[in-house]
Amino acid sequence: METVQAVLIWIADNVFGQVAILIGLITLLGLVLQRKPVEEVVGGALRAVLGIVILFVGIELFTGGLGDFQTIVSSAVGAEPPAAQNTLDGFLGEHGGTVALVITLGFVLHLLLVRVFPAARNVYLTGHLMFWVSVVITACLVEAFGDLPQAALVASGSVLIACYWTLQPMWIAPFMRKVTGRDDFGLGHTTSTLALLTAVVAKPLGDPERHGTEKLKLPRRLSFFKDVNVSTALVIGVILLAAMAFADPATVAEAAAAYDENIDPWAWGVIAAFRFAAGIAILLYGVRMFLAEIVPAFKGVGEKVVPGSKPALDIPTVFPAAPTAVMIGFVVSTGVFLVFLGVFAATGWFTLVPPMIMLFFGGGAAGVFGNAVSGWRGAVAGGVLNGVILAVGQAVVWGMLSGTAPELATLADADWYAITALLLGLGAVLPGVWPVTALVGAVTVGLLTWLSLRARRKERARDERTPDTPGT
């Protein structure tokens, strides 16, 4: 048994925990199943891996800047994270093995659900979020039901996470098609409830054809803002330099010295803004590169292993659809969050920490989905929603997870907050972990059954309306 557990943990750490390897293996398998020539199999798999590596190089470049940005903004507004008796490191030290097992067994159950139910079309392939959602679910189960045996945590967590991975791409799929204009991959990301809420709320606000962010008309002298790389560098530069003016000089000097010991902090601030913009440009290039390989290669998996399935991929895959909307969503999210930070500090309710990475990815996602339904007005509305959700969610969920890993509240996307509220809410009214697991599993299977039967009836009706081909 220990050997099996060790193997499953190794798979979780070295396959699901390494997105480039996971995508490379899926691409390789898909091309082999399509019986492509050796040169296409090798080349396609390697290009997919390189695309992911390039994507993460871009992410590392600008998230490093976001980390410095967060430190400086926190210093400028005097924000310090609240004290906690329990820490995320301590929780992972105790339950890290459980988290890995939940990922591996949950993915097997997820594949089974996708294979059995025709309505479930997407295989969830966002590796790093597989880890974090597993952490959130495990923490919620421990928070709600105490120190359960590992077997119970793994069994329950695997079912719950399989249900989430299966359903999540489904509820955002209609708007995902509107964003990308295609139906060959879905969204697998924990901003999905934010994106869905944005698409619904923003719909009455405008016309995507008339008000689309990529069609905005600017005065000739401001036309350089149409270049997303230029506008990103300018906007981030202004925000960062303004924050530096109010931040602790020692904090700013430390961030600058980490880049170059001899550089002036103000010169570093300018360079940091350009590095942020460069990171986004690299990220978008990597997205295009790996999508060009994984989408056609996955047809082999969709035909032979999990019939009819398509990959559900990370949120940067939607950013090329509307890069300007990404920046609008991010900037508005950040502004709204900082307003809440000031209000919460003034009232003494909670000390918020600006989660710049979630403000960027969540704000970018909300901007893109809002733009798809109502143009720049929707992108602004999405940014507002992301700022509100991250601020209120951080303040509320910190206390809800105080007995396990409260820092998860500062690292969270909208789905994390939704999962936490759902599981802890069910745990408060149901008499144990198994009733909660059974209820979520039954609702998921019932919903998938109903949707699959409805899809088959529609397909049958469509076939009956289609006239026979002459001569057959």
Protein backbone atom coordinates (compact mmCIF):
# COMPACT_ATOMS: atom_id res chain seq x y z
CA MET A 1 0.00 0.00 0.00
CA GLU A 2 2.84 2.39 0.83
CA THR A 3 4.39 1.67 -2.58
CA VAL A 4 1.13 2.50 -4.38
CA GLN A 5 0.79 5.70 -2.37
CA ALA A 6 4.37 6.68 -3.18
CA VAL A 7 3.77 6.10 -6.90
CA LEU A 8 0.58 8.17 -6.87
CA ILE A 9 2.33 11.02 -5.05
CA TRP A 10 5.21 10.86 -7.55
CA ILE A 11 2.72 11.14 -10.43
CA ALA A 12 1.01 14.10 -8.76
CA ASP A 13 4.31 15.90 -8.15
CA ASN A 14 6.04 15.17 -11.45
CA VAL A 15 3.20 15.01 -13.98
CA PHE A 16 0.23 17.03 -12.73
CA GLY A 17 2.57 19.34 -10.82
CA GLN A 18 4.65 20.09 -13.94
CA VAL A 19 2.38 21.68 -16.52
CA ALA A 20 4.93 21.46 -19.35
CA ILE A 21 5.34 17.70 -18.83
CA LEU A 22 1.56 17.17 -18.57
CA ILE A 23 0.83 19.10 -21.77
CA GLY A 24 3.76 17.45 -23.56
CA LEU A 25 2.54 13.96 -22.66
CA ILE A 26 -1.05 14.76 -23.68
CA THR A 27 0.17 16.16 -27.01
CA LEU A 28 2.41 13.13 -27.56
CA LEU A 29 -0.42 10.71 -26.78
CA GLY A 30 -2.86 12.55 -29.04
CA LEU A 31 -0.50 12.54 -32.01
CA VAL A 32 0.41 8.88 -31.51
CA LEU A 33 -3.29 7.93 -31.37
CA GLN A 34 -3.80 9.77 -34.66
CA ARG A 35 -0.92 7.72 -36.12
CA LYS A 36 0.98 10.79 -37.18
CA PRO A 37 4.49 10.34 -38.61
CA VAL A 38 7.31 10.18 -36.10
CA GLU A 39 8.64 13.61 -37.07
CA GLU A 40 5.22 15.18 -36.44
CA VAL A 41 4.83 13.38 -33.11
CA VAL A 42 8.24 14.46 -31.82
CA GLY A 43 8.04 17.98 -33.23
CA GLY A 44 4.49 18.59 -32.03
CA ALA A 45 5.16 17.35 -28.50
CA LEU A 46 8.36 19.39 -28.20
CA ARG A 47 6.71 22.55 -29.55
CA ALA A 48 3.86 22.16 -27.05
CA VAL A 49 6.37 21.82 -24.18
CA LEU A 50 8.34 24.81 -25.45
CA GLY A 51 5.14 26.85 -25.69
CA ILE A 52 4.32 26.09 -22.05
CA VAL A 53 7.89 26.85 -20.95
CA ILE A 54 7.81 30.16 -22.83
CA LEU A 55 4.40 30.95 -21.31
CA PHE A 56 5.75 30.35 -17.80
CA VAL A 57 8.90 32.36 -18.52
CA GLY A 58 6.58 35.26 -19.29
CA ILE A 59 4.53 34.57 -16.17
CA GLU A 60 7.63 34.41 -13.99
CA LEU A 61 8.90 37.66 -15.48
CA PHE A 62 5.81 39.70 -14.79
CA THR A 63 4.66 37.92 -11.61
CA GLY A 64 8.08 38.70 -10.14
CA GLY A 65 7.26 42.32 -10.89
CA LEU A 66 3.80 41.84 -9.41
CA GLY A 67 5.38 40.49 -6.23
CA ASP A 68 7.49 43.63 -5.91
CA PHE A 69 4.46 45.70 -6.86
CA GLN A 70 2.43 44.07 -4.09
CA THR A 71 5.16 44.68 -1.51
CA ILE A 72 5.50 48.35 -2.46
CA VAL A 73 1.74 49.01 -2.63
CA SER A 74 1.30 47.31 0.76
CA SER A 75 4.04 49.50 2.18
CA ALA A 76 2.52 52.62 0.62
CA VAL A 77 -0.87 51.99 2.22
CA GLY A 78 0.52 50.51 5.44
CA ALA A 79 -1.08 47.07 4.94
CA GLU A 80 0.14 44.15 7.03
CA PRO A 81 -1.42 40.67 6.82
CA PRO A 82 -3.39 39.74 9.94
CA ALA A 83 -1.79 37.36 12.41
CA ALA A 84 -2.75 33.68 12.32
CA GLN A 85 -2.12 30.75 14.63
CA ASN A 86 -2.09 28.29 11.73
CA THR A 87 -0.15 28.61 8.49
CA LEU A 88 -0.35 27.22 4.97
CA ASP A 89 3.18 25.81 5.30
CA GLY A 90 2.18 23.96 8.45
CA PHE A 91 -0.97 22.60 6.80
CA LEU A 92 0.93 21.35 3.76
CA GLY A 93 3.57 19.83 6.01
CA GLU A 94 0.87 17.73 7.63
CA HIS A 95 -1.43 17.08 4.66
CA GLY A 96 0.82 17.42 1.59
CA GLY A 97 0.68 13.69 0.85
CA THR A 98 -3.11 13.75 1.07
CA VAL A 99 -3.27 16.66 -1.37
CA ALA A 100 -1.15 14.75 -3.91
CA LEU A 101 -3.33 11.64 -3.62
CA VAL A 102 -6.51 13.71 -4.06
CA ILE A 103 -5.10 15.15 -7.30
CA THR A 104 -4.18 11.77 -8.79
CA LEU A 105 -7.28 9.79 -7.81
CA GLY A 106 -9.53 12.77 -8.51
CA PHE A 107 -8.20 13.02 -12.06
CA VAL A 108 -9.00 9.34 -12.67
CA LEU A 109 -12.58 9.92 -11.48
CA HIS A 110 -12.78 13.07 -13.60
CA LEU A 111 -11.77 11.14 -16.73
CA LEU A 112 -14.38 8.50 -15.89
CA LEU A 113 -17.12 11.14 -15.62
CA VAL A 114 -16.11 12.75 -18.91
CA ARG A 115 -16.05 9.38 -20.65
CA VAL A 116 -19.42 8.19 -19.28
CA PHE A 117 -21.46 11.38 -19.72
CA PRO A 118 -21.61 12.94 -23.21
CA ALA A 119 -22.53 16.33 -21.74
CA ALA A 120 -19.14 16.52 -20.02
CA ARG A 121 -16.85 17.40 -22.88
CA ASN A 122 -13.73 18.91 -21.30
CA VAL A 123 -10.69 17.28 -19.70
CA TYR A 124 -9.22 19.65 -17.10
CA LEU A 125 -5.51 20.23 -17.82
CA THR A 126 -4.52 23.28 -15.75
CA GLY A 127 -1.92 21.50 -13.65
CA HIS A 128 -0.99 24.13 -11.05
CA LEU A 129 -4.65 24.75 -10.23
CA MET A 130 -5.18 21.02 -9.80
CA PHE A 131 -2.83 21.38 -6.86
CA TRP A 132 -4.41 24.50 -5.39
CA VAL A 133 -8.01 23.33 -5.68
CA SER A 134 -6.96 20.09 -3.98
CA VAL A 135 -5.42 22.15 -1.16
CA VAL A 136 -8.58 24.25 -0.78
CA ILE A 137 -10.87 21.20 -0.69
CA THR A 138 -8.65 19.33 1.77
CA ALA A 139 -8.44 22.38 4.03
CA CYS A 140 -12.23 22.80 3.94
CA LEU A 141 -12.79 19.15 4.89
CA VAL A 142 -10.37 19.40 7.80
CA GLU A 143 -11.89 22.73 8.86
CA ALA A 144 -15.42 21.34 8.75
CA PHE A 145 -14.88 17.83 10.14
CA GLY A 146 -11.62 17.90 12.10
CA ASP A 147 -8.74 15.45 11.77
CA LEU A 148 -10.27 12.81 9.52
CA PRO A 149 -8.31 9.64 8.64
CA GLN A 150 -6.23 10.11 5.50
CA ALA A 151 -8.28 7.48 3.63
CA ALA A 152 -11.47 9.44 4.29
CA LEU A 153 -9.88 12.72 3.24
CA VAL A 154 -8.53 11.20 0.03
CA ALA A 155 -11.78 9.44 -0.89
CA SER A 156 -13.99 12.44 -0.18
CA GLY A 157 -11.57 14.97 -1.67
CA SER A 158 -11.16 12.93 -4.86
CA VAL A 159 -14.91 12.80 -5.46
CA LEU A 160 -15.38 16.51 -4.74
CA ILE A 161 -12.52 17.64 -6.94
CA ALA A 162 -13.58 15.33 -9.79
CA CYS A 163 -17.04 16.92 -9.68
CA TYR A 164 -15.53 20.42 -9.80
CA TRP A 165 -13.13 19.64 -12.68
CA THR A 166 -15.98 18.10 -14.66
CA LEU A 167 -18.61 20.80 -14.12
CA GLN A 168 -16.46 23.94 -14.11
CA PRO A 169 -15.67 24.08 -17.87
CA MET A 170 -19.35 23.36 -18.59
CA TRP A 171 -20.89 26.38 -16.88
CA ILE A 172 -18.57 28.83 -18.61
CA ALA A 173 -18.61 27.09 -22.03
CA PRO A 174 -21.28 29.27 -23.74
CA PHE A 175 -19.41 32.47 -22.91
CA MET A 176 -16.06 30.84 -23.66
CA ARG A 177 -17.25 30.27 -27.23
CA LYS A 178 -18.30 33.90 -27.43
CA VAL A 179 -14.83 35.02 -26.27
CA THR A 180 -12.71 32.80 -28.52
CA GLY A 181 -15.06 32.31 -31.46
CA ARG A 182 -14.16 28.62 -31.47
CA ASP A 183 -15.18 25.41 -29.72
CA ASP A 184 -12.04 23.27 -29.77
CA PHE A 185 -10.93 23.98 -26.19
CA GLY A 186 -12.56 25.07 -22.95
CA LEU A 187 -11.58 27.06 -19.88
CA GLY A 188 -10.12 25.27 -16.87
CA HIS A 189 -9.50 27.97 -14.29
CA THR A 190 -10.63 29.11 -10.86
CA THR A 191 -11.80 32.49 -12.19
CA SER A 192 -14.76 30.75 -13.87
CA THR A 193 -17.46 31.95 -11.45
CA LEU A 194 -16.14 35.50 -11.78
CA ALA A 195 -16.15 35.20 -15.59
CA LEU A 196 -19.69 33.78 -15.56
CA LEU A 197 -20.97 36.48 -13.20
CA THR A 198 -19.30 39.17 -15.32
CA ALA A 199 -20.81 37.86 -18.54
CA VAL A 200 -24.29 37.84 -17.00
CA VAL A 201 -24.07 41.21 -15.22
CA ALA A 202 -22.36 43.04 -18.08
CA LYS A 203 -24.68 41.85 -20.85
CA PRO A 204 -27.10 44.83 -20.71
CA LEU A 205 -24.33 47.43 -20.54
CA GLY A 206 -23.31 47.72 -24.16
CA ASP A 207 -22.73 46.23 -27.59
CA PRO A 208 -19.51 44.27 -28.15
CA GLU A 209 -19.51 45.27 -31.82
CA ARG A 210 -19.82 49.00 -31.15
CA HIS A 211 -17.93 49.20 -27.84
CA GLY A 212 -15.30 46.46 -28.19
CA THR A 213 -12.03 47.28 -26.45
CA GLU A 214 -9.96 46.35 -29.48
CA LYS A 215 -11.99 48.80 -31.62
CA LEU A 216 -11.70 51.83 -29.36
CA LYS A 217 -11.00 54.99 -31.31
CA LEU A 218 -8.39 57.23 -29.72
CA PRO A 219 -7.10 60.67 -30.70
CA ARG A 220 -4.17 60.41 -33.11
CA ARG A 221 -1.69 61.62 -30.48
CA LEU A 222 -2.82 58.88 -28.10
CA SER A 223 -2.94 56.15 -30.73
CA PHE A 224 0.14 54.50 -29.18
CA PHE A 225 -2.20 53.20 -26.45
CA LYS A 226 -3.62 50.80 -29.04
CA ASP A 227 -0.37 48.84 -28.72
CA VAL A 228 -1.03 46.71 -25.63
CA ASN A 229 2.69 46.40 -24.85
CA VAL A 230 3.12 50.18 -24.82
CA SER A 231 -0.05 50.84 -22.82
CA THR A 232 0.89 48.14 -20.30
CA ALA A 233 4.33 49.64 -19.70
CA LEU A 234 2.88 53.14 -19.29
CA VAL A 235 -0.02 52.23 -17.02
CA ILE A 236 2.00 49.92 -14.78
CA GLY A 237 4.84 52.42 -14.70
CA VAL A 238 2.60 55.25 -13.52
CA ILE A 239 0.96 53.10 -10.82
CA LEU A 240 4.27 51.67 -9.60
CA LEU A 241 6.08 55.03 -9.48
CA ALA A 242 3.14 56.61 -7.64
CA ALA A 243 3.18 53.79 -5.07
CA MET A 244 6.96 54.16 -4.67
CA ALA A 245 6.49 57.81 -3.74
CA PHE A 246 4.48 56.81 -0.65
CA ALA A 247 6.19 53.52 0.23
CA ASP A 248 8.91 52.96 2.82
CA PRO A 249 12.21 53.92 1.06
CA ALA A 250 13.93 50.89 2.59
CA THR A 251 11.30 48.57 1.06
CA VAL A 252 11.74 50.17 -2.36
CA ALA A 253 15.53 50.06 -2.10
CA GLU A 254 15.42 46.37 -1.17
CA ALA A 255 13.28 45.53 -4.22
CA ALA A 256 15.59 47.52 -6.50
CA ALA A 257 18.73 45.93 -5.03
CA ALA A 258 17.33 42.46 -5.69
CA TYR A 259 17.39 43.37 -9.39
CA ASP A 260 20.69 45.30 -9.42
CA GLU A 261 22.61 46.46 -6.36
CA ASN A 262 23.88 49.58 -8.17
CA ILE A 263 20.63 50.77 -9.76
CA ASP A 264 18.74 53.82 -8.53
CA PRO A 265 15.30 52.78 -7.17
CA TRP A 266 13.50 55.17 -9.53
CA ALA A 267 15.36 53.81 -12.53
CA TRP A 268 14.43 50.32 -11.33
CA GLY A 269 10.76 51.36 -11.19
CA VAL A 270 10.87 52.31 -14.87
CA ILE A 271 12.65 49.08 -15.83
CA ALA A 272 10.19 47.04 -13.75
CA ALA A 273 7.26 48.43 -15.75
CA PHE A 274 8.93 47.48 -19.03
CA ARG A 275 9.76 44.01 -17.71
CA PHE A 276 6.12 43.57 -16.76
CA ALA A 277 5.01 44.45 -20.29
CA ALA A 278 7.68 42.18 -21.76
CA GLY A 279 6.44 39.32 -19.57
CA ILE A 280 2.92 39.67 -20.94
CA ALA A 281 4.23 39.74 -24.53
CA ILE A 282 6.21 36.55 -23.90
CA LEU A 283 3.19 34.93 -22.22
CA LEU A 284 0.94 35.64 -25.20
CA TYR A 285 3.52 34.22 -27.61
CA GLY A 286 3.78 31.04 -25.54
CA VAL A 287 -0.03 30.71 -25.45
CA ARG A 288 -0.28 30.88 -29.23
CA MET A 289 2.56 28.38 -29.63
CA PHE A 290 1.20 25.68 -27.32
CA LEU A 291 -2.42 26.12 -28.47
CA ALA A 292 -1.30 25.51 -32.04
CA GLU A 293 -0.06 22.06 -30.92
CA ILE A 294 -2.31 20.87 -28.07
CA VAL A 295 -5.67 21.59 -29.75
CA PRO A 296 -5.17 19.51 -32.93
CA ALA A 297 -3.20 16.84 -31.04
CA PHE A 298 -5.97 16.42 -28.48
CA LYS A 299 -8.25 15.14 -31.22
CA GLY A 300 -6.51 11.78 -30.82
CA VAL A 301 -7.45 11.68 -27.14
CA GLY A 302 -10.96 12.88 -27.97
CA GLU A 303 -11.42 10.11 -30.53
CA LYS A 304 -9.74 7.12 -28.88
CA VAL A 305 -9.39 7.57 -25.10
CA VAL A 306 -12.15 9.93 -23.95
CA PRO A 307 -14.53 10.17 -26.95
CA GLY A 308 -15.80 13.63 -27.80
CA SER A 309 -13.62 15.39 -25.23
CA LYS A 310 -11.63 18.60 -25.58
CA PRO A 311 -8.98 20.16 -23.34
CA ALA A 312 -9.88 22.71 -20.67
CA LEU A 313 -6.92 25.09 -20.46
CA ASP A 314 -5.48 27.93 -18.37
CA ILE A 315 -6.85 31.49 -18.36
CA PRO A 316 -4.04 33.05 -20.47
CA THR A 317 -5.52 31.19 -23.46
CA VAL A 318 -8.28 33.85 -23.63
CA PHE A 319 -5.98 36.86 -23.31
CA PRO A 320 -5.05 37.07 -27.03
CA ALA A 321 -8.77 37.55 -27.79
CA ALA A 322 -8.76 41.04 -26.21
CA PRO A 323 -5.42 42.21 -24.77
CA THR A 324 -6.72 45.73 -24.14
CA ALA A 325 -9.61 44.31 -22.11
CA VAL A 326 -7.06 42.43 -19.99
CA MET A 327 -5.39 45.69 -19.00
CA ILE A 328 -8.71 47.47 -18.38
CA GLY A 329 -9.88 44.66 -16.11
CA PHE A 330 -6.58 44.58 -14.21
CA VAL A 331 -6.34 48.34 -13.64
CA VAL A 332 -9.99 48.67 -12.57
CA SER A 333 -9.69 45.62 -10.27
CA THR A 334 -6.64 47.09 -8.61
CA GLY A 335 -8.28 50.47 -8.09
CA VAL A 336 -11.44 48.96 -6.60
CA PHE A 337 -9.45 46.67 -4.31
CA LEU A 338 -7.38 49.59 -3.01
CA VAL A 339 -10.57 51.52 -2.24
CA PHE A 340 -11.80 48.56 -0.18
CA LEU A 341 -8.40 48.33 1.50
CA GLY A 342 -8.74 51.92 2.66
CA VAL A 343 -12.35 51.47 3.80
CA PHE A 344 -11.58 48.27 5.72
CA ALA A 345 -8.55 49.88 7.36
CA ALA A 346 -10.51 52.99 8.35
CA THR A 347 -13.29 50.93 9.92
CA GLY A 348 -10.85 48.50 11.58
CA TRP A 349 -12.61 45.49 10.09
CA PHE A 350 -9.73 43.74 8.33
CA THR A 351 -6.27 44.44 6.93
CA LEU A 352 -6.32 43.49 3.27
CA VAL A 353 -3.18 42.52 1.35
CA PRO A 354 -3.25 43.47 -2.36
CA PRO A 355 -3.12 40.10 -4.22
CA MET A 356 -1.57 41.49 -7.39
CA ILE A 357 -1.36 38.16 -9.22
CA MET A 358 -5.07 37.46 -8.67
CA LEU A 359 -5.92 41.06 -9.50
CA PHE A 360 -4.11 40.63 -12.81
CA PHE A 361 -5.37 37.19 -13.86
CA GLY A 362 -8.86 37.62 -12.41
CA GLY A 363 -9.14 41.18 -13.65
CA GLY A 364 -7.85 40.14 -17.06
CA ALA A 365 -10.34 37.27 -17.26
CA ALA A 366 -13.23 39.49 -16.17
CA GLY A 367 -12.16 42.14 -18.67
CA VAL A 368 -12.09 39.67 -21.56
CA PHE A 369 -15.44 38.05 -20.72
CA GLY A 370 -17.07 41.42 -20.02
CA ASN A 371 -15.77 42.76 -23.33
CA ALA A 372 -17.18 39.76 -25.19
CA VAL A 373 -20.74 40.62 -24.12
CA SER A 374 -20.73 44.42 -23.89
CA GLY A 375 -17.36 45.87 -24.93
CA TRP A 376 -15.26 48.17 -22.76
CA ARG A 377 -18.18 48.78 -20.41
CA GLY A 378 -18.31 45.08 -19.66
CA ALA A 379 -14.54 45.02 -19.15
CA VAL A 380 -14.87 47.80 -16.57
CA ALA A 381 -17.77 46.02 -14.87
CA GLY A 382 -15.74 42.81 -14.73
CA GLY A 383 -12.83 44.64 -13.17
CA VAL A 384 -15.11 46.10 -10.51
CA LEU A 385 -16.56 42.66 -9.73
CA ASN A 386 -13.10 41.13 -9.40
CA GLY A 387 -11.94 43.86 -7.03
CA VAL A 388 -15.05 43.47 -4.87
CA ILE A 389 -14.89 39.66 -4.78
CA LEU A 390 -11.19 39.59 -3.91
CA ALA A 391 -11.55 42.19 -1.16
CA VAL A 392 -14.67 40.84 0.52
CA GLY A 393 -13.64 37.23 -0.09
CA GLN A 394 -10.23 37.73 1.48
CA ALA A 395 -11.71 39.31 4.60
CA VAL A 396 -14.42 36.67 5.05
CA VAL A 397 -12.56 33.48 4.07
CA TRP A 398 -9.52 34.30 6.24
CA GLY A 399 -11.69 33.67 9.29
CA MET A 400 -13.46 30.66 7.75
CA LEU A 401 -10.11 28.85 7.28
CA SER A 402 -8.51 30.11 10.50
CA GLY A 403 -8.06 26.57 11.85
CA THR A 404 -6.17 25.25 8.83
CA ALA A 405 -4.58 27.57 6.25
CA PRO A 406 -5.97 31.14 6.40
CA GLU A 407 -3.37 32.41 3.89
CA LEU A 408 -5.35 30.64 1.19
CA ALA A 409 -7.73 33.61 1.41
CA THR A 410 -4.98 35.95 0.15
CA LEU A 411 -4.02 33.64 -2.74
CA ALA A 412 -7.55 32.95 -3.92
CA ASP A 413 -9.64 33.36 -7.04
CA ALA A 414 -13.43 33.53 -7.05
CA ASP A 415 -13.88 29.76 -7.34
CA TRP A 416 -11.79 29.21 -4.18
CA TYR A 417 -14.18 31.38 -2.23
CA ALA A 418 -17.20 29.63 -3.75
CA ILE A 419 -15.83 26.16 -2.93
CA THR A 420 -15.01 27.22 0.64
CA ALA A 421 -18.46 28.70 1.22
CA LEU A 422 -20.20 25.65 -0.28
CA LEU A 423 -18.26 22.98 1.62
CA LEU A 424 -18.22 24.76 4.97
CA GLY A 425 -21.89 25.63 4.55
CA LEU A 426 -22.80 22.00 3.83
CA GLY A 427 -20.55 20.86 6.66
CA ALA A 428 -22.50 23.05 9.07
CA VAL A 429 -25.86 21.46 8.22
CA LEU A 430 -25.00 17.86 7.28
CA PRO A 431 -23.85 15.29 9.87
CA GLY A 432 -20.45 14.31 8.47
CA VAL A 433 -18.08 14.16 5.52
CA TRP A 434 -19.86 11.30 3.76
CA PRO A 435 -23.29 12.99 3.50
CA VAL A 436 -21.55 16.05 2.02
CA THR A 437 -19.62 13.91 -0.45
CA ALA A 438 -22.70 11.88 -1.37
CA LEU A 439 -24.81 14.99 -1.91
CA VAL A 440 -22.26 16.72 -4.16
CA GLY A 441 -21.63 13.48 -6.08
CA ALA A 442 -25.36 12.78 -6.52
CA VAL A 443 -26.12 16.32 -7.71
CA THR A 444 -23.23 16.14 -10.18
CA VAL A 445 -24.25 12.76 -11.59
CA GLY A 446 -27.90 13.79 -11.74
CA LEU A 447 -27.06 17.01 -13.56
CA LEU A 448 -24.74 15.25 -16.01
CA THR A 449 -27.37 12.57 -16.67
CA TRP A 450 -30.08 15.15 -17.36
CA LEU A 451 -27.84 17.25 -19.62
CA SER A 452 -26.62 14.17 -21.50
CA LEU A 453 -30.18 12.91 -22.11
CA ARG A 454 -31.25 16.37 -23.24
CA ALA A 455 -28.30 16.56 -25.64
CA ARG A 456 -29.17 13.16 -27.09
CA ARG A 457 -32.81 14.18 -27.58
CA LYS A 458 -31.72 17.33 -29.40
CA GLU A 459 -29.33 15.35 -31.57
CA ARG A 460 -32.05 12.81 -32.38
CA ALA A 461 -34.51 15.58 -33.27
CA ARG A 462 -31.91 17.25 -35.45
CA ASP A 463 -31.24 13.96 -37.28
CA GLU A 464 -34.96 13.48 -37.87
CA ARG A 465 -35.26 16.97 -39.38
CA THR A 466 -32.28 16.41 -41.66
CA PRO A 467 -33.46 14.92 -45.01
CA ASP A 468 -31.79 11.77 -46.24
CA THR A 469 -29.05 12.27 -48.78
CA PRO A 470 -30.27 11.34 -52.31
CA GLY A 471 -29.09 7.95 -53.44
CA THR A 472 -28.63 6.50 -49.96
